[in-house]
Amino acid sequence: MTDFPGSKMSSKSEHHSIERYKSKKSGSGTIVSAMLLDLGFTLGSDARIVDLDDDRIIQDQLKIQTIHKSPPILGLLCGDFEAAENLVELLKSKANNASIEELVQCGKSFLEQHRSRHAFTTYMCYVKERVPNGYIFYFVPYFNHVNKCEEDYTCKCPMVGIRHGARELEHGSIYNDGSGASDAQEHLSMSFFDGKMVQHVDAADDYQIANIKKKLKISLIQARMITRLAMIHSCLKDNNCGAPFRVCSVSVDGAIEKEGPYGFVKTYLDYFQFLEAHDRTTLFLIYRQTLEGSNFGGFVVENIGLPVKKKGHRVALLEGDFCLHRVIFKEAKDVNAFFDDGEAVTECPPFSTDKSHLKTYKLDTREVKKNKDNEIILGLKTAKFSEQEVAMFQDFETIYMGKPTKDFLKSLKEEVTLFDEESP
């Protein structure tokens, strides 16, 4: 691979470029993974974006982006999506006329001027002289949190410092960032047992598996498969992580392979044999997407009174404007008991090809509608809905249920977010 042609950039023009790429988007990324091996590098990500203020799922976004086509430079976005995307757009605008070193300096200048309460990271990966390389740009604010503070994006505690900069990635390492980073780290370590697990390295809040030896020469196909498996594991454990997933790789010859977007249902089926441990205590709820609000699924769990270990979260969008929500029960017998008590489905809903795998439950929302003018609706612990959202509630919402069997999953019709130049 050839070197990148360079041309010096003035600080004045650089500043104007930074200002030009300010956007109005607001949302936090969840899980991304970068792997630097002998044969090339692999990137993986989910697509979910969560509102920074109230934790509701607001949109899907493409987190793996092309900064430069030939030779290829790819960017991986995580954290505050507005800031991360602005940085990548700035790098794109400079990539044709700048060396890697100049792009790194451009990224550092962006970070020096950036001010926010929200952390983010951006990976820039490339191949130079047949060796995978990359940098991580990081922005991590510090706060003086008071007692009993939730220590999340909604707190108003004073910001007392910022850690930011760029750090070169190590060849032979795997990097994970986002709310699901520790879960991805855990499962990737099973595939790379000879590597040393490193948590929260000095320069950025990423998780790292370093010094991989035995599997440095695995194929990029294998690396993409392992990365996607880590994505689904993170999605199953973390409320803010979710499909569709995307993975890609760049070989030392510069060849790019892109896979996805993969929906939750397809990924679950592809890796079903590895996920069976989750099945015994899992139940899927299906409800109207327009009710998602600030975690409508958690509201359903609370008001039905299910004996759950985790309230779960939305994991997929289905045809006909429906959400697929995964709930984890305390014991397998509770799953069977609740499902068996449900009503049989007489007409096949738009998201299914086989109603025999479904049961329904009627959720009474009349008290919620009656108290819709209250700031905190009576009986509601984990979610707040606006008056407009409550107005969409039916007196008795139909909640569908399904067990995580292969036949049930195969009967679902999932909708997957597509972006430019993508195909399912």
Protein backbone atom coordinates (compact mmCIF):
# COMPACT_ATOMS: atom_id res chain seq x y z
CA MET A 1 0.00 0.00 0.00
CA THR A 2 1.31 3.42 -0.91
CA ASP A 3 1.91 6.28 1.49
CA PHE A 4 -0.68 9.02 1.73
CA PRO A 5 0.18 12.25 -0.12
CA GLY A 6 0.53 15.19 2.24
CA SER A 7 -0.23 18.86 2.10
CA LYS A 8 0.01 21.18 5.09
CA MET A 9 -3.20 22.63 6.54
CA SER A 10 -3.36 26.01 8.25
CA SER A 11 -4.94 26.23 11.71
CA LYS A 12 -7.34 28.90 10.41
CA SER A 13 -8.82 26.72 7.63
CA GLU A 14 -8.86 23.79 10.02
CA HIS A 15 -10.94 25.82 12.50
CA HIS A 16 -13.47 26.75 9.80
CA SER A 17 -13.79 23.10 8.79
CA ILE A 18 -14.54 22.13 12.38
CA GLU A 19 -17.25 24.80 12.67
CA ARG A 20 -18.78 23.75 9.35
CA TYR A 21 -19.42 20.19 10.50
CA LYS A 22 -21.48 21.02 13.56
CA SER A 23 -24.78 19.12 13.41
CA LYS A 24 -28.02 18.89 15.33
CA LYS A 25 -27.90 15.14 16.02
CA SER A 26 -27.88 13.98 19.62
CA GLY A 27 -27.34 10.41 20.64
CA SER A 28 -24.90 7.97 22.16
CA GLY A 29 -23.26 4.99 20.47
CA THR A 30 -23.12 1.61 22.17
CA ILE A 31 -20.64 -1.05 21.04
CA VAL A 32 -17.82 -1.02 18.48
CA SER A 33 -14.87 -3.35 18.04
CA ALA A 34 -11.59 -3.06 16.11
CA MET A 35 -9.19 -5.99 15.56
CA LEU A 36 -5.66 -5.62 14.10
CA LEU A 37 -4.29 -8.94 12.80
CA ASP A 38 -1.48 -10.11 10.52
CA LEU A 39 -3.75 -10.37 7.47
CA GLY A 40 -5.56 -7.06 7.97
CA PHE A 41 -8.00 -5.38 10.32
CA THR A 42 -11.65 -6.04 11.15
CA LEU A 43 -14.27 -3.58 12.39
CA GLY A 44 -17.68 -4.31 13.86
CA SER A 45 -20.53 -2.26 15.30
CA ASP A 46 -24.18 -2.19 16.18
CA ALA A 47 -26.42 0.53 14.75
CA ARG A 48 -28.38 1.68 17.80
CA ILE A 49 -28.38 5.30 18.92
CA VAL A 50 -29.83 6.21 22.31
CA ASP A 51 -30.96 9.70 23.30
CA LEU A 52 -28.43 11.28 25.65
CA ASP A 53 -31.10 12.78 27.91
CA ASP A 54 -33.72 10.10 28.51
CA ASP A 55 -32.28 6.77 27.29
CA ARG A 56 -34.94 6.18 24.67
CA ILE A 57 -33.88 4.50 21.43
CA ILE A 58 -34.19 7.23 18.82
CA GLN A 59 -32.62 5.99 15.59
CA ASP A 60 -30.16 3.68 13.86
CA GLN A 61 -26.96 5.13 12.46
CA LEU A 62 -24.10 3.86 10.33
CA LYS A 63 -21.10 3.74 12.68
CA ILE A 64 -18.54 2.26 10.23
CA GLN A 65 -17.74 4.94 7.68
CA THR A 66 -15.28 5.36 4.81
CA ILE A 67 -12.89 8.26 5.37
CA HIS A 68 -10.86 7.58 2.20
CA LYS A 69 -11.51 4.99 -0.55
CA SER A 70 -8.14 4.33 -2.13
CA PRO A 71 -6.04 3.55 -0.24
CA PRO A 72 -8.83 2.73 2.24
CA ILE A 73 -9.13 4.51 5.58
CA LEU A 74 -12.14 3.53 7.70
CA GLY A 75 -13.63 5.23 10.74
CA LEU A 76 -15.48 3.63 13.64
CA LEU A 77 -17.75 5.87 15.72
CA CYS A 78 -18.76 5.45 19.35
CA GLY A 79 -20.14 7.54 22.19
CA ASP A 80 -21.65 10.97 21.52
CA PHE A 81 -22.66 10.39 17.89
CA GLU A 82 -22.92 14.07 16.99
CA ALA A 83 -19.32 14.77 17.99
CA ALA A 84 -17.92 11.52 16.57
CA GLU A 85 -19.61 12.03 13.21
CA ASN A 86 -18.44 15.64 13.05
CA LEU A 87 -14.87 14.47 13.56
CA VAL A 88 -15.17 11.80 10.85
CA GLU A 89 -16.71 14.30 8.40
CA LEU A 90 -13.78 16.62 9.05
CA LEU A 91 -11.29 13.80 8.41
CA LYS A 92 -13.13 12.93 5.18
CA SER A 93 -12.77 16.50 3.94
CA LYS A 94 -8.99 16.40 4.48
CA ALA A 95 -8.18 12.81 3.50
CA ASN A 96 -7.46 13.44 -0.21
CA ASN A 97 -4.67 15.90 0.47
CA ALA A 98 -3.23 14.85 3.81
CA SER A 99 -0.88 12.23 5.18
CA ILE A 100 -1.92 10.04 8.10
CA GLU A 101 0.20 12.17 10.41
CA GLU A 102 -1.63 15.30 9.26
CA LEU A 103 -5.01 13.62 9.71
CA VAL A 104 -4.03 12.70 13.26
CA GLN A 105 -3.05 16.29 13.95
CA CYS A 106 -6.34 17.46 12.43
CA GLY A 107 -8.22 15.13 14.80
CA LYS A 108 -6.25 16.40 17.79
CA SER A 109 -7.08 20.00 16.87
CA PHE A 110 -10.77 19.08 16.71
CA LEU A 111 -10.58 17.57 20.19
CA GLU A 112 -8.78 20.60 21.60
CA GLN A 113 -11.60 22.88 20.44
CA HIS A 114 -14.45 20.53 21.38
CA ARG A 115 -16.40 21.14 24.60
CA SER A 116 -19.15 18.82 25.76
CA ARG A 117 -20.42 16.85 28.76
CA HIS A 118 -20.50 13.70 26.65
CA ALA A 119 -17.65 11.26 25.98
CA PHE A 120 -16.89 9.82 22.56
CA THR A 121 -14.24 7.85 20.71
CA THR A 122 -13.44 7.54 17.01
CA TYR A 123 -11.15 4.91 15.51
CA MET A 124 -9.26 5.57 12.27
CA CYS A 125 -7.89 2.35 10.76
CA TYR A 126 -5.77 1.81 7.64
CA VAL A 127 -3.02 -0.39 6.16
CA LYS A 128 0.44 1.01 5.53
CA GLU A 129 3.31 -0.99 4.06
CA ARG A 130 1.16 -4.17 4.42
CA VAL A 131 0.76 -3.67 8.17
CA PRO A 132 -2.61 -2.82 9.80
CA ASN A 133 -2.44 0.46 11.69
CA GLY A 134 -4.80 2.83 13.37
CA TYR A 135 -5.46 5.56 15.91
CA ILE A 136 -8.12 6.13 18.51
CA PHE A 137 -9.32 9.70 19.09
CA TYR A 138 -10.84 10.09 22.55
CA PHE A 139 -12.71 12.75 24.49
CA VAL A 140 -13.55 11.93 28.12
CA PRO A 141 -14.90 14.61 30.51
CA TYR A 142 -14.57 14.32 34.30
CA PHE A 143 -17.20 15.40 36.82
CA ASN A 144 -17.37 16.15 40.50
CA HIS A 145 -20.33 13.88 41.23
CA VAL A 146 -22.27 14.51 44.42
CA ASN A 147 -23.54 11.82 46.78
CA LYS A 148 -26.29 9.59 45.35
CA CYS A 149 -25.75 11.01 41.88
CA GLU A 150 -26.63 8.62 39.08
CA GLU A 151 -23.37 9.55 37.31
CA ASP A 152 -25.02 9.55 33.91
CA TYR A 153 -25.57 12.06 31.11
CA THR A 154 -28.63 13.57 32.83
CA CYS A 155 -26.84 14.75 35.98
CA LYS A 156 -25.95 18.43 36.41
CA CYS A 157 -22.75 17.92 38.39
CA PRO A 158 -19.87 20.28 37.52
CA MET A 159 -17.33 19.17 34.91
CA VAL A 160 -13.85 19.45 36.42
CA GLY A 161 -11.63 18.30 33.57
CA ILE A 162 -11.30 16.74 30.12
CA ARG A 163 -8.98 14.00 28.90
CA HIS A 164 -8.53 14.00 25.13
CA GLY A 165 -6.04 13.15 22.42
CA ALA A 166 -5.04 10.45 19.93
CA ARG A 167 -3.32 7.16 20.68
CA GLU A 168 -1.83 4.75 18.15
CA LEU A 169 -3.40 1.30 18.10
CA GLU A 170 -1.21 -1.75 18.68
CA HIS A 171 -0.88 -4.42 16.01
CA GLY A 172 -2.09 -7.75 17.37
CA SER A 173 -4.73 -6.26 19.65
CA ILE A 174 -8.52 -6.00 19.85
CA TYR A 175 -10.25 -2.82 21.04
CA ASN A 176 -13.81 -2.47 22.31
CA ASP A 177 -15.70 0.68 23.20
CA GLY A 178 -19.19 1.64 24.26
CA SER A 179 -21.66 0.58 26.92
CA GLY A 180 -21.37 -3.04 25.76
CA ALA A 181 -17.56 -3.03 25.63
CA SER A 182 -17.02 -5.19 28.71
CA ASP A 183 -19.47 -7.81 27.38
CA ALA A 184 -17.75 -7.89 23.98
CA GLN A 185 -14.40 -8.08 25.75
CA GLU A 186 -15.54 -11.07 27.79
CA HIS A 187 -16.65 -13.10 24.77
CA LEU A 188 -13.77 -12.12 22.51
CA SER A 189 -11.37 -13.30 25.22
CA MET A 190 -12.83 -16.82 24.82
CA SER A 191 -11.68 -16.85 21.20
CA PHE A 192 -8.31 -15.26 21.99
CA PHE A 193 -7.46 -16.99 25.25
CA ASP A 194 -3.75 -16.38 24.74
CA GLY A 195 -4.23 -12.61 24.88
CA LYS A 196 -4.03 -10.44 27.96
CA MET A 197 -7.25 -8.61 28.87
CA VAL A 198 -6.77 -4.93 29.64
CA GLN A 199 -9.58 -2.75 31.02
CA HIS A 200 -9.73 1.02 30.70
CA VAL A 201 -6.23 1.68 29.44
CA ASP A 202 -4.59 4.97 30.41
CA ALA A 203 -5.46 7.15 27.44
CA ALA A 204 -9.12 6.24 26.71
CA ASP A 205 -12.02 4.32 28.19
CA ASP A 206 -11.68 1.37 25.83
CA TYR A 207 -11.33 -2.30 26.71
CA GLN A 208 -8.45 -4.13 25.06
CA ILE A 209 -7.20 -7.64 24.42
CA ALA A 210 -3.48 -7.25 23.80
CA ASN A 211 -0.57 -9.45 22.83
CA ILE A 212 -2.54 -12.01 20.83
CA LYS A 213 -0.10 -14.60 19.54
CA LYS A 214 -1.57 -17.92 18.47
CA LYS A 215 -4.42 -16.54 16.37
CA LEU A 216 -2.82 -13.55 14.72
CA LYS A 217 -2.92 -15.40 11.40
CA ILE A 218 -6.61 -16.34 11.45
CA SER A 219 -8.50 -15.49 8.26
CA LEU A 220 -10.42 -12.24 8.05
CA ILE A 221 -13.58 -14.30 7.47
CA GLN A 222 -13.06 -15.94 10.85
CA ALA A 223 -12.31 -12.59 12.44
CA ARG A 224 -15.55 -11.11 11.09
CA MET A 225 -17.51 -14.09 12.39
CA ILE A 226 -15.97 -13.77 15.86
CA THR A 227 -16.65 -10.03 15.87
CA ARG A 228 -20.32 -10.48 14.98
CA LEU A 229 -20.72 -13.07 17.73
CA ALA A 230 -19.35 -10.52 20.21
CA MET A 231 -21.93 -8.01 18.92
CA ILE A 232 -24.90 -10.31 19.62
CA HIS A 233 -23.58 -11.17 23.08
CA SER A 234 -23.31 -7.48 23.91
CA CYS A 235 -26.82 -6.88 22.61
CA LEU A 236 -28.23 -9.64 24.82
CA LYS A 237 -26.67 -8.13 27.94
CA ASP A 238 -26.74 -4.37 27.43
CA ASN A 239 -29.96 -2.35 27.15
CA ASN A 240 -28.39 0.29 24.90
CA CYS A 241 -26.80 -2.11 22.40
CA GLY A 242 -28.73 -3.55 19.49
CA ALA A 243 -28.99 -4.73 15.91
CA PRO A 244 -28.58 -4.31 13.03
CA PHE A 245 -24.91 -5.26 13.16
CA ARG A 246 -22.28 -4.49 10.57
CA VAL A 247 -18.80 -5.95 10.16
CA CYS A 248 -16.10 -5.29 7.60
CA SER A 249 -12.43 -6.00 7.02
CA VAL A 250 -9.53 -4.58 5.04
CA SER A 251 -6.74 -6.94 4.00
CA VAL A 252 -3.07 -6.02 3.83
CA ASP A 253 -3.59 -5.82 0.04
CA GLY A 254 -6.24 -3.14 0.53
CA ALA A 255 -9.24 -5.33 -0.33
CA ILE A 256 -12.42 -4.33 1.54
CA GLU A 257 -15.06 -6.89 2.57
CA LYS A 258 -18.32 -5.61 4.04
CA GLU A 259 -21.00 -7.76 5.66
CA GLY A 260 -24.43 -6.80 6.90
CA PRO A 261 -26.53 -5.19 7.97
CA TYR A 262 -27.46 -8.27 9.98
CA GLY A 263 -30.70 -8.09 11.92
CA PHE A 264 -31.06 -9.40 15.46
CA VAL A 265 -33.23 -12.35 14.40
CA LYS A 266 -30.88 -13.55 11.65
CA THR A 267 -27.85 -13.18 13.91
CA TYR A 268 -29.57 -15.04 16.73
CA LEU A 269 -30.42 -17.89 14.35
CA ASP A 270 -26.91 -17.97 12.82
CA TYR A 271 -25.36 -18.33 16.28
CA PHE A 272 -28.21 -20.24 17.92
CA GLN A 273 -25.96 -23.06 19.12
CA PHE A 274 -23.81 -20.56 21.05
CA LEU A 275 -26.80 -18.77 22.60
CA GLU A 276 -28.82 -21.71 23.91
CA ALA A 277 -27.72 -20.93 27.48
CA HIS A 278 -29.86 -17.77 27.24
CA ASP A 279 -32.95 -19.60 26.00
CA ARG A 280 -34.20 -21.28 29.17
CA THR A 281 -35.09 -18.05 30.94
CA THR A 282 -35.86 -15.85 27.91
CA LEU A 283 -39.23 -14.68 26.64
CA PHE A 284 -39.86 -12.28 23.78
CA LEU A 285 -42.58 -9.65 23.99
CA ILE A 286 -43.91 -7.93 20.86
CA TYR A 287 -45.79 -4.63 20.97
CA ARG A 288 -46.53 -1.64 18.74
CA GLN A 289 -43.42 0.35 17.88
CA THR A 290 -45.26 3.68 18.28
CA LEU A 291 -45.46 2.88 22.01
CA GLU A 292 -41.70 2.48 22.44
CA GLY A 293 -41.37 5.87 24.13
CA SER A 294 -38.88 5.79 26.98
CA ASN A 295 -38.68 2.00 27.21
CA PHE A 296 -42.30 0.88 26.88
CA GLY A 297 -41.11 -2.70 27.24
CA GLY A 298 -39.95 -2.00 30.80
CA PHE A 299 -43.36 -0.50 31.50
CA VAL A 300 -45.05 -3.66 30.18
CA VAL A 301 -42.94 -5.87 32.45
CA GLU A 302 -43.72 -3.78 35.54
CA ASN A 303 -47.43 -3.57 34.97
CA ILE A 304 -47.90 -7.24 34.14
CA GLY A 305 -45.91 -8.09 37.26
CA LEU A 306 -43.57 -10.62 35.68
CA PRO A 307 -41.03 -12.43 37.94
CA VAL A 308 -38.06 -11.24 35.90
CA LYS A 309 -34.35 -11.02 36.55
CA LYS A 310 -33.95 -8.22 33.96
CA LYS A 311 -36.69 -6.14 32.35
CA GLY A 312 -34.87 -6.48 29.06
CA HIS A 313 -34.97 -4.15 26.10
CA ARG A 314 -36.03 -3.77 22.49
CA VAL A 315 -33.76 -5.83 20.25
CA ALA A 316 -35.40 -5.58 16.81
CA LEU A 317 -38.02 -3.90 14.66
CA LEU A 318 -40.60 -6.11 12.96
CA GLU A 319 -42.89 -5.57 10.00
CA GLY A 320 -46.18 -3.82 10.63
CA ASP A 321 -44.73 -1.28 13.10
CA PHE A 322 -43.92 -3.70 15.93
CA CYS A 323 -40.99 -4.05 18.37
CA LEU A 324 -39.35 -7.26 19.58
CA HIS A 325 -38.48 -6.98 23.28
CA ARG A 326 -36.38 -9.56 25.15
CA VAL A 327 -37.14 -10.31 28.82
CA ILE A 328 -35.04 -12.46 31.17
CA PHE A 329 -36.97 -14.39 33.86
CA LYS A 330 -35.59 -15.61 37.16
CA GLU A 331 -36.42 -19.24 36.45
CA ALA A 332 -37.33 -21.28 33.36
CA LYS A 333 -40.55 -22.52 34.95
CA ASP A 334 -41.81 -18.93 35.17
CA VAL A 335 -41.38 -18.52 31.41
CA ASN A 336 -43.46 -21.61 30.70
CA ALA A 337 -46.15 -20.71 33.24
CA PHE A 338 -46.66 -17.17 31.92
CA PHE A 339 -46.61 -18.24 28.28
CA ASP A 340 -49.07 -21.07 28.88
CA ASP A 341 -51.50 -18.66 30.55
CA GLY A 342 -51.62 -16.45 27.46
CA GLU A 343 -54.44 -16.39 24.96
CA ALA A 344 -54.15 -18.19 21.64
CA VAL A 345 -53.71 -16.06 18.51
CA THR A 346 -56.62 -16.44 16.09
CA GLU A 347 -55.29 -14.27 13.24
CA CYS A 348 -51.70 -14.10 12.05
CA PRO A 349 -50.24 -10.62 12.76
CA PRO A 350 -48.24 -8.77 10.07
CA PHE A 351 -44.85 -9.57 11.65
CA SER A 352 -45.30 -13.35 11.65
CA THR A 353 -45.70 -16.18 9.15
CA ASP A 354 -46.92 -18.72 11.73
CA LYS A 355 -49.27 -17.69 14.57
CA SER A 356 -48.89 -21.07 16.31
CA HIS A 357 -45.73 -19.84 18.07
CA LEU A 358 -47.49 -16.83 19.61
CA LYS A 359 -49.66 -16.09 22.65
CA THR A 360 -51.19 -12.73 23.63
CA TYR A 361 -51.77 -10.76 26.82
CA LYS A 362 -54.03 -7.71 27.25
CA LEU A 363 -52.31 -4.85 29.07
CA ASP A 364 -54.69 -2.47 30.87
CA THR A 365 -53.47 1.12 30.34
CA ARG A 366 -56.62 2.94 31.46
CA GLU A 367 -55.03 4.25 34.67
CA VAL A 368 -52.08 5.59 32.71
CA LYS A 369 -54.36 7.44 30.31
CA LYS A 370 -56.39 8.80 33.21
CA ASN A 371 -53.25 10.30 34.77
CA LYS A 372 -51.56 11.43 31.58
CA ASP A 373 -51.27 15.04 32.79
CA ASN A 374 -49.06 14.04 35.71
CA GLU A 375 -45.32 14.50 35.28
CA ILE A 376 -44.75 10.99 36.63
CA ILE A 377 -47.61 8.67 35.77
CA LEU A 378 -48.96 6.61 38.68
CA GLY A 379 -47.54 3.10 38.85
CA LEU A 380 -44.74 3.93 36.42
CA LYS A 381 -41.20 3.41 37.75
CA THR A 382 -38.80 3.19 34.83
CA ALA A 383 -40.40 5.17 32.03
CA LYS A 384 -41.91 8.58 31.46
CA PHE A 385 -44.22 9.19 28.52
CA SER A 386 -45.25 12.47 26.99
CA GLU A 387 -48.91 13.37 26.71
CA GLN A 388 -48.70 12.72 22.97
CA GLU A 389 -47.34 9.22 23.57
CA VAL A 390 -49.96 8.39 26.17
CA ALA A 391 -52.65 9.54 23.73
CA MET A 392 -51.58 6.68 21.43
CA PHE A 393 -52.25 4.05 24.10
CA GLN A 394 -55.28 1.84 23.63
CA ASP A 395 -57.31 0.96 26.72
CA PHE A 396 -56.13 -2.63 26.38
CA GLU A 397 -52.88 -2.99 24.48
CA THR A 398 -52.26 -6.37 22.87
CA ILE A 399 -48.87 -7.78 23.89
CA TYR A 400 -47.69 -10.78 21.89
CA MET A 401 -45.35 -13.37 23.42
CA GLY A 402 -43.00 -15.96 21.96
CA LYS A 403 -40.37 -18.40 23.23
CA PRO A 404 -36.85 -18.25 21.70
CA THR A 405 -37.18 -21.40 19.61
CA LYS A 406 -35.82 -21.71 16.10
CA ASP A 407 -39.32 -22.05 14.68
CA PHE A 408 -40.53 -18.90 16.45
CA LEU A 409 -37.53 -16.87 15.29
CA LYS A 410 -37.87 -18.15 11.72
CA SER A 411 -41.51 -17.04 11.67
CA LEU A 412 -40.64 -13.40 12.42
CA LYS A 413 -40.39 -10.78 9.68
CA GLU A 414 -37.70 -8.33 10.76
CA GLU A 415 -37.11 -4.88 9.31
CA VAL A 416 -33.47 -3.78 8.99
CA THR A 417 -32.27 -0.20 8.63
CA LEU A 418 -30.44 0.34 5.35
CA PHE A 419 -28.20 3.23 4.38
CA ASP A 420 -26.83 4.37 1.03
CA GLU A 421 -25.19 1.64 -1.07
CA GLU A 422 -26.33 -1.12 1.31
CA SER A 423 -28.48 -4.16 0.56
CA PRO A 424 -29.97 -6.71 2.98
